[in-house]
Protein backbone atom coordinates (compact mmCIF):
# COMPACT_ATOMS: atom_id res chain seq x y z
CA GLU A 1 137.43 182.38 133.62
CA GLU A 2 136.51 178.71 133.52
CA LEU A 3 139.97 177.96 131.58
CA MET A 4 141.82 180.18 133.82
CA ALA A 5 140.42 177.94 136.92
CA ILE A 6 141.79 174.79 135.48
CA ASN A 7 144.52 172.80 136.71
CA VAL A 8 146.20 171.34 133.72
CA ARG A 9 147.64 168.51 135.85
CA ASP A 10 144.10 167.55 136.31
CA THR A 11 143.38 167.09 132.81
CA TYR A 12 145.67 164.41 131.97
CA VAL A 13 144.58 161.04 132.18
CA ASN A 14 147.91 159.19 132.48
CA PRO A 15 150.43 160.68 134.85
CA ASN A 16 153.13 159.26 132.76
CA ASP A 17 152.04 161.69 129.74
CA ARG A 18 153.11 164.56 132.10
CA ARG A 19 156.19 163.04 133.12
CA ARG A 20 157.38 162.62 129.49
CA PHE A 21 155.95 165.95 128.43
CA GLN A 22 158.18 167.70 131.45
CA ARG A 23 161.39 165.57 130.75
CA THR A 24 161.50 166.32 127.08
CA ILE A 25 160.80 170.14 127.42
CA ASN A 26 163.18 170.39 130.43
CA SER A 27 166.02 169.02 128.07
CA LYS A 28 164.94 170.47 124.72
CA GLY A 29 163.28 173.88 125.77
CA PHE A 30 160.45 172.62 123.60
CA VAL A 31 158.20 169.79 122.74
CA ARG A 32 156.74 169.18 119.37
CA ASP A 33 153.61 167.03 118.61
CA HIS A 34 153.53 165.21 122.13
CA GLU A 35 150.75 162.57 122.26
CA LEU A 36 148.85 162.37 124.97
CA LYS A 37 145.22 162.16 126.47
CA LEU A 38 143.38 164.94 128.52
CA ARG A 39 139.93 164.64 130.23
CA ARG A 40 136.94 167.19 129.70
CA LYS A 41 135.23 168.70 132.61
CA ASP A 42 132.44 166.24 131.66
CA GLY A 43 134.98 163.37 131.98
CA THR A 44 135.02 162.23 128.53
CA LEU A 45 138.41 161.71 126.72
CA LEU A 46 140.15 163.30 124.15
CA ASP A 47 143.18 162.18 122.13
CA CYS A 48 145.64 165.33 122.01
CA LEU A 49 148.93 166.47 120.33
CA LEU A 50 150.46 168.89 122.36
CA SER A 51 153.33 171.52 121.34
CA SER A 52 154.90 173.63 123.71
CA THR A 53 157.93 176.18 124.25
CA GLN A 54 159.36 177.33 127.73
CA LEU A 55 159.06 180.99 128.18
CA ARG A 56 162.57 182.31 129.93
CA SER A 57 163.35 185.88 130.79
CA ASP A 58 166.16 187.81 129.52
CA ASP A 59 168.52 186.51 132.38
CA GLY A 60 167.19 182.79 131.55
CA THR A 61 164.59 182.31 134.54
CA LEU A 62 161.92 180.14 133.41
CA LEU A 63 158.53 182.34 133.63
CA GLY A 64 156.33 179.49 132.30
CA TYR A 65 155.37 177.94 128.85
CA HIS A 66 153.54 178.84 125.67
CA GLY A 67 151.77 175.92 123.80
CA ILE A 68 149.09 175.01 121.52
CA ILE A 69 146.78 171.66 122.11
CA ARG A 70 145.30 170.13 118.95
CA ASP A 71 142.19 167.87 119.56
CA VAL A 72 142.88 164.80 117.11
CA THR A 73 140.42 162.51 118.58
CA GLU A 74 138.13 162.38 115.45
CA LYS A 75 141.40 161.99 113.09
CA LYS A 76 142.35 158.86 115.37
CA ARG A 77 139.19 157.36 115.28
CA ALA A 78 139.13 158.01 111.28
CA GLU A 79 142.87 156.57 111.16
CA GLN A 80 141.54 153.22 113.16
CA GLU A 81 138.80 152.87 110.98
CA ILE A 82 140.69 153.06 107.87
CA ARG A 83 143.41 150.32 109.31
CA ARG A 84 140.32 148.00 110.36
CA LEU A 85 138.80 148.59 106.61
CA ASP A 86 142.09 147.72 105.22
CA GLN A 87 142.35 144.65 107.39
CA THR A 88 139.19 143.49 106.49
CA ARG A 89 139.93 143.72 102.74
CA ARG A 90 143.25 142.15 103.35
CA GLU A 91 141.25 139.18 105.02
CA PHE A 92 138.54 139.25 102.27
CA VAL A 93 141.00 139.06 99.40
CA ALA A 94 142.92 136.28 100.89
CA ASN A 95 139.65 134.12 101.71
CA ALA A 96 138.06 134.77 98.14
CA SER A 97 141.46 133.57 96.92
CA HIS A 98 141.38 130.64 98.93
CA GLU A 99 137.84 129.71 97.96
CA PHE A 100 138.27 130.13 94.31
CA LYS A 101 141.57 128.27 94.26
CA THR A 102 140.07 125.39 95.93
CA PRO A 103 137.50 124.37 93.11
CA LEU A 104 139.75 125.64 90.23
CA THR A 105 142.60 123.22 91.37
CA ALA A 106 139.99 120.35 91.53
CA ILE A 107 138.64 121.45 87.91
CA ARG A 108 142.37 121.79 86.61
CA GLY A 109 143.39 117.87 87.99
CA PHE A 110 140.63 116.32 86.71
CA ALA A 111 140.45 117.88 83.48
CA GLU A 112 144.13 117.16 83.12
CA THR A 113 143.77 113.56 83.87
CA LEU A 114 141.03 113.14 81.40
CA LEU A 115 142.84 114.79 78.40
CA SER A 116 145.78 112.36 79.29
CA GLY A 117 143.65 109.66 78.10
CA THR A 118 144.96 107.59 81.10
CA LEU A 119 141.30 106.41 82.15
CA GLU A 120 139.64 103.09 80.84
CA LYS A 121 136.43 102.82 82.15
CA PRO A 122 133.44 105.00 80.99
CA GLU A 123 132.04 105.27 84.68
CA ASP A 124 135.52 106.80 85.46
CA TYR A 125 134.88 109.40 82.88
CA ARG A 126 131.68 110.29 84.01
CA TYR A 127 132.74 110.55 87.78
CA PHE A 128 135.57 112.71 86.70
CA LEU A 129 133.08 115.14 84.72
CA ARG A 130 130.72 115.10 87.86
CA ILE A 131 133.27 116.30 89.81
CA ILE A 132 134.53 119.06 87.25
CA HIS A 133 130.55 120.04 86.86
CA ASP A 134 129.97 120.15 90.57
CA ASN A 135 132.80 122.71 91.20
CA ALA A 136 131.92 124.63 88.14
CA LEU A 137 128.59 125.02 89.87
CA ARG A 138 130.45 126.25 93.35
CA LEU A 139 132.26 129.00 91.48
CA GLU A 140 129.41 130.15 90.10
CA ARG A 141 127.30 130.38 93.42
CA LEU A 142 130.43 132.05 94.95
CA THR A 143 130.76 134.41 91.92
CA GLU A 144 127.19 135.03 92.32
CA ASP A 145 127.28 135.69 96.10
CA LEU A 146 130.26 138.22 95.81
CA ALA A 147 128.59 140.14 93.45
CA LYS A 148 125.44 140.33 95.65
CA ILE A 149 127.24 140.95 98.73
CA SER A 150 129.24 143.86 96.52
CA LEU A 151 125.71 145.46 95.49
CA MET A 152 124.67 145.00 99.13
CA ASP A 153 127.81 147.24 100.18
CA GLU A 154 127.13 149.89 97.94
CA GLY A 155 123.49 150.00 98.43
CA ARG A 156 122.56 149.11 95.17
CA LEU A 157 120.68 145.48 95.32
CA ALA A 158 117.29 145.76 93.77
CA GLN A 159 114.64 145.21 96.16
CA ARG A 160 110.84 145.78 95.43
CA PHE A 161 108.77 145.99 98.84
CA SER A 162 105.45 145.11 99.53
CA ASP A 163 103.00 143.89 102.31
CA VAL A 164 104.20 140.22 102.84
CA SER A 165 102.54 137.50 104.40
CA VAL A 166 104.84 135.52 106.53
CA CYS A 167 103.37 132.30 106.44
CA ASP A 168 102.86 132.22 102.60
CA PHE A 169 106.93 132.47 102.16
CA ILE A 170 107.46 130.25 105.27
CA ARG A 171 105.01 127.05 103.38
CA SER A 172 106.50 127.99 100.27
CA CYS A 173 110.75 127.82 101.26
CA ALA A 174 109.41 124.36 103.41
CA GLU A 175 108.04 122.89 100.46
CA THR A 176 110.95 123.44 98.81
CA SER A 177 113.22 122.11 101.45
CA ARG A 178 110.90 119.28 102.07
CA LEU A 179 112.56 116.71 99.55
CA LYS A 180 115.90 117.37 100.60
CA ALA A 181 114.83 117.06 104.24
CA GLU A 182 113.21 113.72 103.56
CA GLN A 183 116.32 112.39 101.50
CA ASN A 184 118.47 113.29 104.56
CA GLY A 185 116.36 111.32 107.28
CA ILE A 186 115.49 114.65 108.82
CA THR A 187 111.83 115.42 110.13
CA LEU A 188 110.87 119.29 109.14
CA GLN A 189 107.97 120.74 111.20
CA VAL A 190 106.24 124.07 110.36
CA ASN A 191 104.14 126.08 112.83
CA CYS A 192 102.61 129.33 111.57
CA SER A 193 99.73 131.20 112.71
CA ARG A 194 97.56 132.68 110.05
CA HIS A 195 96.41 135.64 112.31
CA LEU A 196 100.25 137.40 112.41
CA PRO A 197 100.40 140.63 111.04
CA LEU A 198 101.87 141.03 107.77
CA VAL A 199 105.70 142.56 107.51
CA ARG A 200 106.90 144.91 104.46
CA GLY A 201 109.59 143.64 102.72
CA ASP A 202 110.95 142.08 99.43
CA LEU A 203 109.52 138.42 99.17
CA SER A 204 112.16 137.01 97.34
CA ARG A 205 114.89 138.27 99.51
CA LEU A 206 113.00 137.19 102.43
CA ARG A 207 112.57 133.59 100.81
CA GLU A 208 116.33 133.94 100.20
CA VAL A 209 116.99 134.62 103.85
CA LEU A 210 114.60 131.64 105.10
CA GLN A 211 115.93 128.80 102.27
CA ASN A 212 119.40 129.69 103.43
CA LEU A 213 118.52 129.20 107.07
CA LEU A 214 116.85 125.84 105.91
CA ASP A 215 119.69 124.53 103.65
CA ASN A 216 122.15 125.28 106.47
CA ALA A 217 119.92 123.55 109.31
CA ILE A 218 119.91 120.47 106.69
CA HIS A 219 123.55 120.19 106.25
CA TYR A 220 124.20 120.59 109.66
CA THR A 221 121.63 117.91 111.50
CA PRO A 222 122.22 114.29 111.30
CA ALA A 223 120.02 111.62 110.08
CA GLY A 224 117.12 111.17 112.49
CA GLY A 225 117.23 115.14 113.74
CA HIS A 226 114.32 117.48 113.39
CA ILE A 227 113.98 120.87 112.16
CA ARG A 228 111.40 123.49 113.19
CA VAL A 229 110.29 126.50 111.41
CA GLN A 230 107.73 128.90 113.40
CA ALA A 231 106.74 132.42 113.58
CA ALA A 232 105.36 134.54 116.29
CA CYS A 233 104.62 138.28 117.21
CA VAL A 234 106.93 139.83 119.66
CA GLN A 235 106.39 142.56 121.48
CA ASP A 236 103.43 144.28 119.23
CA ARG A 237 106.18 145.41 117.02
CA TRP A 238 108.28 142.27 115.52
CA VAL A 239 107.43 139.13 113.66
CA VAL A 240 110.06 136.52 114.20
CA VAL A 241 110.55 133.53 112.25
CA SER A 242 112.70 131.22 113.73
CA VAL A 243 114.55 127.98 112.25
CA SER A 244 115.53 125.42 114.84
CA ASP A 245 117.37 122.26 114.38
CA THR A 246 118.97 119.32 116.68
CA GLY A 247 122.24 119.63 114.71
CA ILE A 248 125.73 119.69 115.70
CA GLY A 249 125.51 123.09 117.41
CA ILE A 250 127.95 126.23 117.28
CA PRO A 251 130.36 126.86 119.94
CA LYS A 252 129.48 129.94 121.96
CA ASP A 253 132.91 131.58 121.36
CA LYS A 254 132.06 130.92 117.28
CA GLN A 255 128.67 132.74 117.57
CA THR A 256 129.58 136.17 117.08
CA ARG A 257 131.84 135.58 114.02
CA ILE A 258 129.18 133.22 112.11
CA PHE A 259 127.91 136.16 110.08
CA GLU A 260 131.46 137.38 108.87
CA ARG A 261 132.22 136.39 105.12
CA PHE A 262 133.98 133.35 104.79
CA TYR A 263 134.11 132.41 108.45
CA ARG A 264 133.66 129.18 108.88
CA VAL A 265 133.18 126.90 112.22
CA ASP A 266 134.37 123.72 110.66
CA SER A 267 136.08 124.42 107.36
CA SER A 268 136.26 120.95 106.03
CA ARG A 269 132.66 120.16 107.00
CA SER A 270 131.44 123.35 105.31
CA ARG A 271 133.49 122.90 102.42
CA LYS A 272 132.02 119.07 101.50
CA VAL A 273 128.72 120.70 101.98
CA GLY A 274 129.38 123.06 99.21
CA GLY A 275 128.83 126.55 100.88
CA THR A 276 130.62 129.56 99.83
CA GLY A 277 130.90 130.84 103.18
CA LEU A 278 128.96 134.07 102.30
CA GLY A 279 125.42 132.79 102.85
CA LEU A 280 125.26 134.10 106.48
CA ALA A 281 126.43 137.72 105.78
CA ILE A 282 124.32 137.94 102.79
CA VAL A 283 121.35 136.91 105.32
CA LYS A 284 122.45 139.47 107.87
CA LYS A 285 122.49 142.09 105.17
CA ILE A 286 119.34 141.55 103.72
CA VAL A 287 117.37 141.25 107.10
CA GLU A 288 119.18 144.37 108.11
CA ALA A 289 118.08 145.84 104.98
CA HIS A 290 114.59 145.22 105.88
CA GLY A 291 115.23 147.06 109.36
CA GLY A 292 115.01 143.97 111.51
CA HIS A 293 117.94 141.88 113.04
CA ILE A 294 118.92 138.61 113.60
CA GLU A 295 119.99 136.54 116.69
CA VAL A 296 121.55 132.92 117.04
CA GLU A 297 121.31 130.54 120.04
CA SER A 298 123.23 127.45 120.02
CA GLU A 299 124.60 124.62 122.25
CA PRO A 300 127.46 122.19 120.74
CA GLY A 301 125.97 118.93 120.13
CA GLN A 302 122.05 120.19 120.87
CA GLY A 303 121.44 122.13 117.87
CA SER A 304 120.92 125.85 117.01
CA THR A 305 118.24 128.22 116.85
CA PHE A 306 118.39 131.54 114.28
CA SER A 307 115.86 134.20 114.84
CA VAL A 308 115.08 136.81 112.33
CA PHE A 309 113.21 139.83 113.56
CA LEU A 310 111.20 141.85 111.04
CA PRO A 311 109.40 144.92 112.08
CA GLN A 312 105.57 144.42 111.33
CA VAL A 313 103.41 146.47 109.36
CA ALA A 314 101.62 149.02 111.26
CA GLU A 315 97.83 148.69 111.26
CA PRO A 316 95.38 151.30 111.71
CA ALA A 317 93.62 150.83 115.24
CA ALA A 318 90.21 149.96 113.92
CA GLN A 319 91.38 147.09 111.50
CA ALA A 320 93.81 145.79 114.41
CA LEU A 321 90.70 145.50 116.60
CA GLU A 322 88.62 143.90 113.95
CA ARG A 323 91.32 141.48 113.34
CA SER A 324 91.59 140.65 117.12
CA ARG A 325 87.93 139.95 117.09
CA ARG A 326 87.94 137.85 114.26
CA ARG A 327 90.81 135.76 115.88
CA GLY A 328 88.76 135.18 119.04
CA ARG A 329 85.81 134.43 117.45
CA SER A 330 87.93 131.51 115.15
CA LEU A 331 89.54 130.36 118.36
CA LYS A 332 86.08 129.62 119.86
CA ALA A 333 84.29 128.71 116.86
CA GLU A 334 86.75 126.12 115.91
CA ALA A 335 88.75 123.30 117.53
CA PRO A 336 92.68 123.25 117.20
CA GLU A 337 93.07 122.73 113.33
CA ARG A 338 95.90 120.75 113.23
CA VAL A 339 97.48 118.75 110.58
CA LEU A 340 99.78 115.84 111.32
CA SER A 341 101.19 114.00 108.98
CA GLU A 342 102.86 110.26 109.72
CA GLU A 343 105.74 110.65 111.83
CA GLU A 344 108.31 110.37 109.01
CA PRO A 345 111.50 112.03 107.86
CA GLY A 346 110.05 115.05 106.13
CA SER A 347 106.48 115.34 107.75
CA TYR A 348 104.88 118.42 108.51
CA TYR A 349 102.96 119.83 111.59
CA SER A 350 101.18 123.05 111.51
CA ASP A 351 98.80 124.09 114.39
CA GLN A 352 97.22 126.84 112.74
CA SER A 353 95.25 128.26 115.46
CA ARG A 354 98.15 129.20 117.42
CA SER A 355 99.69 132.55 117.36
């Protein structure tokens, strides 16, 4: 009864669809797989194929139409997804080929020069061999990153989850990056409360995430700049680890693409610092595998902040209350425990009494 009460004209989304249908069936007497969009009673749209034939009496009088409408909405979505994946695959292959070609060209060119015997000075030999070595390492990193991201796509990357102290792996990564920051004339600061809840994760993968963000911050922050790593509890649900720098920043229109594979905001600069173009894509995959997400805020010329949201480990109520009491007693009993080093590149600042 509900179907009988529907005026078919009212279901058309685009009036031109009906007019095209009418012209075709009037001229041919039938239509086959006429594409159109129809609107359901609840307002949702359907992609449909309409096949219809005119019904006429013996004397040729038009009595009506007989037709079948097929809903192909899901089919169309599947086809669009296949096209999107195919486009992604083609771009991936093109980008990967380019990334391999650059260091291979350098290796071949310098190796051929060495083999020609035209070099006379020993320092020239060492210089050429160093370039070949650096490009070989770049190929090795690229191969490893490609293998890793392939395993992630298939859900086969080995991960060992346990309760992890965020501050422990932050301090470990910061110590690893300290010398590089110092050599580049950059001040590295760490701020992490010892009262933060634990997170559930693979310690080695979480270190990989933070180390990648720190490496990027060092690469894109000029001498005299600052990098700050800090962690905080947000909404009693997330532990947020953020890496902020005073580097070159990222334009707004590029920020949605920086987690894509092989995407580079500045290709020439990225290749100069030796990145593979897969680092942030891997970071995003790892964070999402931990049930979290990553966000970026940036202004060109002002710097960037990458924030990693990790779900905190749920505590029993009694344990959480006791931790809160211990924290309160600690703050009352102790003056703020600050470790301030000299204002030199690579120095640390740690306010451990903050949350």
